């Protein structure tokens, strides 16, 4: 199966320009980039895709073995890059896709020019053994996953506005809720475990390409201290705190997000 079919890959922008590969976060799809990508279409070849289980991806391509870790999703990204012979890729990853992109770039750094990580977290669960603060205790994550397993639609309706973090703009929370609800529930439950139980701290110092870390203020999913940790442990990284609140500045503050990426580029 081609990646174009499997991951609903789409191309736009400057055909001869350097590629920018945009990867959405948990429970989302490529439509979440619609306010960001137009700003780069004159200079870059825009590549969008959906992780398997999301958007218009081919659900039959989901594999319990392959997609039981972020490494499997990173292999999907590398498949896209190889099949379309993309080089000097600027990978833009939101949330969990930040780590997916980092893993992919660590495996084949010659394919990548840089990585933009928006709201990254290498580990969501606190680790008392070394004083790492990820923002959540293990019981909190286990309770969340149990709630998600028992009532995915109810969990989506309750959590999406919290994750969006812009209570004065309820339409944004509603959009994220609807996005969650469009995701295949069975795959979403498995991807949640892969996401929130992952620990990719050892991947950070292995980075071989420059990176931009965009940290939102007042982000309940990836607190500022987590962004600072990623910056401290990732070589050649640039750290910037946005005025945007919540976890999805690609929707809530697209212009600020665009300006930060352009300045770094």
Protein backbone atom coordinates (compact mmCIF):
# COMPACT_ATOMS: atom_id res chain seq x y z
CA UNK A 1 0.00 0.00 0.00
CA UNK A 2 1.35 3.43 -0.94
CA UNK A 3 1.76 6.02 1.80
CA UNK A 4 -0.45 8.34 -0.23
CA UNK A 5 -3.32 5.95 0.35
CA UNK A 6 -2.33 4.76 3.82
CA UNK A 7 -1.75 8.23 5.28
CA UNK A 8 -3.86 10.35 2.91
CA UNK A 9 -0.76 12.32 1.89
CA UNK A 10 -1.43 15.61 0.11
CA UNK A 11 0.89 18.13 -1.54
CA UNK A 12 0.54 21.85 -2.18
CA UNK A 13 2.65 25.00 -2.38
CA UNK A 14 5.87 25.54 -4.29
CA UNK A 15 6.63 22.28 -6.08
CA UNK A 16 10.35 23.03 -6.33
CA UNK A 17 10.64 24.47 -2.83
CA UNK A 18 12.09 22.66 0.20
CA UNK A 19 9.49 20.38 1.79
CA UNK A 20 7.69 21.15 5.04
CA UNK A 21 6.06 18.04 6.49
CA UNK A 22 3.26 18.80 8.97
CA UNK A 23 2.22 16.14 11.50
CA UNK A 24 -0.91 16.52 13.63
CA UNK A 25 -1.33 15.63 17.29
CA UNK A 26 -3.45 13.06 19.10
CA UNK A 27 -7.08 12.85 17.96
CA UNK A 28 -6.57 15.35 15.14
CA UNK A 29 -5.94 15.28 11.39
CA UNK A 30 -4.21 17.34 8.74
CA UNK A 31 -7.08 19.83 8.65
CA UNK A 32 -5.72 21.25 11.92
CA UNK A 33 -2.95 22.97 9.92
CA UNK A 34 -5.25 24.91 7.59
CA UNK A 35 -4.50 28.28 9.25
CA UNK A 36 -0.73 27.73 9.24
CA UNK A 37 0.29 26.14 5.94
CA UNK A 38 -0.89 28.93 3.58
CA UNK A 39 1.83 31.19 5.00
CA UNK A 40 4.53 28.85 3.65
CA UNK A 41 3.04 27.87 0.30
CA UNK A 42 4.97 30.50 -1.70
CA UNK A 43 8.35 29.23 -0.52
CA UNK A 44 7.91 25.57 0.46
CA UNK A 45 6.40 22.34 -0.78
CA UNK A 46 3.70 21.59 1.79
CA UNK A 47 3.23 17.94 2.72
CA UNK A 48 0.28 16.94 4.89
CA UNK A 49 -0.79 13.52 6.10
CA UNK A 50 -2.97 11.71 8.63
CA UNK A 51 -1.64 9.21 11.14
CA UNK A 52 -3.26 5.80 10.66
CA UNK A 53 -6.61 5.85 12.46
CA UNK A 54 -7.15 9.56 11.94
CA UNK A 55 -8.69 11.70 9.23
CA UNK A 56 -8.83 10.04 5.83
CA UNK A 57 -6.13 7.46 6.53
CA UNK A 58 -6.67 3.80 5.63
CA UNK A 59 -7.79 2.10 8.86
CA UNK A 60 -6.85 -1.30 7.48
CA UNK A 61 -3.20 -0.25 7.62
CA UNK A 62 -3.24 -0.12 11.42
CA UNK A 63 -1.00 -2.75 13.01
CA UNK A 64 -1.01 -3.63 16.70
CA UNK A 65 2.64 -4.57 16.44
CA UNK A 66 3.87 -1.61 14.43
CA UNK A 67 1.74 1.04 16.11
CA UNK A 68 2.28 -0.08 19.69
CA UNK A 69 5.09 2.48 20.03
CA UNK A 70 5.96 5.93 18.71
CA UNK A 71 8.77 4.27 16.77
CA UNK A 72 6.14 2.62 14.57
CA UNK A 73 4.57 5.99 13.79
CA UNK A 74 8.04 7.38 13.09
CA UNK A 75 8.55 4.55 10.60
CA UNK A 76 5.33 5.66 8.87
CA UNK A 77 6.83 9.15 8.55
CA UNK A 78 10.03 7.75 7.11
CA UNK A 79 8.00 5.71 4.62
CA UNK A 80 6.41 8.95 3.39
CA UNK A 81 9.78 10.69 3.16
CA UNK A 82 11.38 7.78 1.29
CA UNK A 83 8.50 7.08 -1.10
CA UNK A 84 8.35 10.69 -2.24
CA UNK A 85 12.13 11.13 -2.00
CA UNK A 86 11.85 14.15 0.27
CA UNK A 87 15.11 15.77 1.34
CA UNK A 88 16.01 18.77 3.51
CA UNK A 89 12.64 18.28 5.20
CA UNK A 90 11.46 20.74 7.81
CA UNK A 91 9.27 18.58 10.03
CA UNK A 92 6.57 20.43 11.97
CA UNK A 93 5.06 18.27 14.69
CA UNK A 94 2.27 19.11 17.09
CA UNK A 95 2.20 17.52 20.56
CA UNK A 96 2.99 13.78 20.37
CA UNK A 97 4.10 14.19 16.76
CA UNK A 98 7.03 16.26 18.02
CA UNK A 99 8.56 13.10 19.45
CA UNK A 100 7.54 11.07 16.39
CA UNK A 101 9.40 13.54 14.19
CA UNK A 102 12.44 13.53 16.46
CA UNK A 103 12.63 9.73 16.36
CA UNK A 104 12.35 9.76 12.56
CA UNK A 105 15.02 12.45 12.18
CA UNK A 106 17.34 10.62 14.56
CA UNK A 107 17.09 7.52 12.38
CA UNK A 108 17.73 9.29 9.07
CA UNK A 109 19.12 12.77 9.83
CA UNK A 110 20.36 13.16 6.26
CA UNK A 111 16.72 13.54 5.15
CA UNK A 112 15.88 16.38 7.54
CA UNK A 113 16.88 20.04 7.72
CA UNK A 114 15.19 20.73 11.05
CA UNK A 115 12.31 20.00 13.38
CA UNK A 116 9.66 22.31 14.82
CA UNK A 117 8.15 20.90 18.00
CA UNK A 118 4.89 22.51 19.12
CA UNK A 119 3.96 21.62 22.71
CA UNK A 120 6.34 18.65 22.94
CA UNK A 121 6.60 16.27 25.88
CA UNK A 122 9.11 13.42 26.07
CA UNK A 123 7.24 11.92 29.03
CA UNK A 124 3.88 12.94 30.47
CA UNK A 125 4.24 11.05 33.77
CA UNK A 126 6.37 12.43 36.60
CA UNK A 127 9.45 10.36 37.44
CA UNK A 128 10.31 10.56 41.12
CA UNK A 129 13.53 8.59 40.66
CA UNK A 130 15.28 11.51 38.98
CA UNK A 131 13.00 14.43 39.83
CA UNK A 132 11.53 14.70 36.34
CA UNK A 133 8.24 16.61 36.19
CA UNK A 134 6.01 15.73 33.26
CA UNK A 135 2.82 17.26 34.62
CA UNK A 136 0.91 14.11 35.60
CA UNK A 137 1.13 11.46 38.27
CA UNK A 138 0.81 7.87 37.06
CA UNK A 139 -2.60 7.47 38.83
CA UNK A 140 -3.86 10.55 36.92
CA UNK A 141 -2.87 9.03 33.58
CA UNK A 142 -4.29 5.62 34.46
CA UNK A 143 -7.58 7.21 35.51
CA UNK A 144 -7.72 9.20 32.28
CA UNK A 145 -7.05 6.10 30.18
CA UNK A 146 -9.72 4.13 32.05
CA UNK A 147 -12.21 6.94 31.41
CA UNK A 148 -11.24 7.00 27.75
CA UNK A 149 -11.65 3.21 27.47
CA UNK A 150 -15.07 3.18 29.08
CA UNK A 151 -16.61 6.20 27.34
CA UNK A 152 -14.50 7.63 24.53
CA UNK A 153 -17.10 10.11 23.28
CA UNK A 154 -17.82 11.35 26.78
CA UNK A 155 -14.10 11.69 27.48
CA UNK A 156 -13.65 13.61 24.24
CA UNK A 157 -16.41 16.09 25.09
CA UNK A 158 -15.01 16.70 28.56
CA UNK A 159 -11.28 16.81 27.74
CA UNK A 160 -11.11 18.62 24.39
CA UNK A 161 -12.03 22.09 25.77
CA UNK A 162 -9.52 21.60 28.61
CA UNK A 163 -6.77 20.65 26.18
CA UNK A 164 -7.63 23.57 23.89
CA UNK A 165 -7.34 25.90 26.86
CA UNK A 166 -9.25 28.88 25.44
CA UNK A 167 -12.54 29.04 27.39
CA UNK A 168 -13.37 32.44 25.89
CA UNK A 169 -13.44 30.79 22.45
CA UNK A 170 -15.73 27.77 22.88
CA UNK A 171 -15.81 27.13 19.13
CA UNK A 172 -12.19 25.96 19.33
CA UNK A 173 -13.01 23.41 22.01
CA UNK A 174 -15.96 22.25 19.94
CA UNK A 175 -13.74 21.77 16.88
CA UNK A 176 -11.27 19.65 18.86
CA UNK A 177 -14.16 17.65 20.35
CA UNK A 178 -15.52 16.95 16.88
CA UNK A 179 -12.05 15.96 15.68
CA UNK A 180 -11.68 13.49 18.54
CA UNK A 181 -15.09 12.07 17.77
CA UNK A 182 -14.20 11.53 14.11
CA UNK A 183 -11.17 9.46 15.06
CA UNK A 184 -11.62 5.68 15.04
CA UNK A 185 -12.38 4.94 18.74
CA UNK A 186 -10.59 1.58 18.89
CA UNK A 187 -7.38 3.02 17.46
CA UNK A 188 -7.73 6.23 19.48
CA UNK A 189 -7.77 4.24 22.72
CA UNK A 190 -4.59 2.40 21.75
CA UNK A 191 -2.86 5.54 20.52
CA UNK A 192 -3.69 7.24 23.82
CA UNK A 193 -1.76 4.57 25.72
CA UNK A 194 1.16 4.84 23.31
CA UNK A 195 1.14 8.62 23.72
CA UNK A 196 0.66 9.09 27.44
CA UNK A 197 2.75 6.13 28.62
CA UNK A 198 5.72 6.88 26.37
CA UNK A 199 9.15 7.92 27.60
CA UNK A 200 11.37 9.43 24.94
CA UNK A 201 13.76 11.37 27.12
CA UNK A 202 16.75 9.37 25.86
CA UNK A 203 15.93 10.38 22.28
CA UNK A 204 16.46 14.10 22.96
CA UNK A 205 20.29 14.16 23.19
CA UNK A 206 20.51 12.04 20.03
CA UNK A 207 19.16 14.88 17.88
CA UNK A 208 21.39 15.65 14.88
CA UNK A 209 19.39 18.45 13.26
CA UNK A 210 18.42 21.90 14.60
CA UNK A 211 15.06 22.22 16.30
CA UNK A 212 12.62 24.91 17.39
CA UNK A 213 10.61 24.25 20.54
CA UNK A 214 7.41 26.29 20.73
CA UNK A 215 5.94 26.35 24.22
CA UNK A 216 2.45 27.67 24.87
CA UNK A 217 1.75 29.52 28.08
CA UNK A 218 -0.69 27.89 30.50
CA UNK A 219 -0.62 24.50 28.76
CA UNK A 220 -2.13 21.73 30.91
CA UNK A 221 -0.75 18.97 28.66
CA UNK A 222 2.83 20.22 28.32
CA UNK A 223 3.73 22.70 31.10
CA UNK A 224 6.51 25.23 30.59
CA UNK A 225 8.96 23.21 32.67
CA UNK A 226 8.57 20.34 30.18
CA UNK A 227 9.44 22.58 27.24
CA UNK A 228 12.46 23.83 29.15
CA UNK A 229 13.51 20.23 29.77
CA UNK A 230 13.26 19.42 26.06
CA UNK A 231 15.36 22.49 25.22
CA UNK A 232 18.00 21.70 27.84
CA UNK A 233 18.48 18.13 26.65
CA UNK A 234 18.20 18.65 22.87
CA UNK A 235 21.32 19.80 21.00
CA UNK A 236 21.00 22.78 18.63
CA UNK A 237 17.55 23.64 19.96
CA UNK A 238 15.87 27.04 20.16
CA UNK A 239 13.22 27.61 22.82
CA UNK A 240 10.39 30.13 22.49
CA UNK A 241 7.40 30.70 24.74
CA UNK A 242 4.31 31.89 22.89
CA UNK A 243 1.68 34.23 24.27
CA UNK A 244 -0.87 31.68 23.09
CA UNK A 245 -2.58 29.71 25.82
CA UNK A 246 -3.61 26.06 25.73
CA UNK A 247 -2.13 23.23 23.72
CA UNK A 248 -3.18 23.98 20.13
CA UNK A 249 -1.69 27.30 18.91
CA UNK A 250 -2.06 26.10 15.32
CA UNK A 251 -5.78 26.76 15.86
CA UNK A 252 -5.90 29.36 18.63
CA UNK A 253 -2.96 31.54 17.56
CA UNK A 254 -1.94 30.61 14.01
CA UNK A 255 -0.31 33.93 13.15
CA UNK A 256 1.93 33.85 16.22
CA UNK A 257 2.83 30.27 15.38
CA UNK A 258 3.64 31.18 11.77
CA UNK A 259 5.74 34.18 12.82
CA UNK A 260 7.78 32.06 15.23
CA UNK A 261 8.47 29.38 12.63
CA UNK A 262 9.37 31.92 9.93
CA UNK A 263 11.73 33.75 12.27
CA UNK A 264 13.50 30.50 13.09
CA UNK A 265 13.68 29.41 9.46
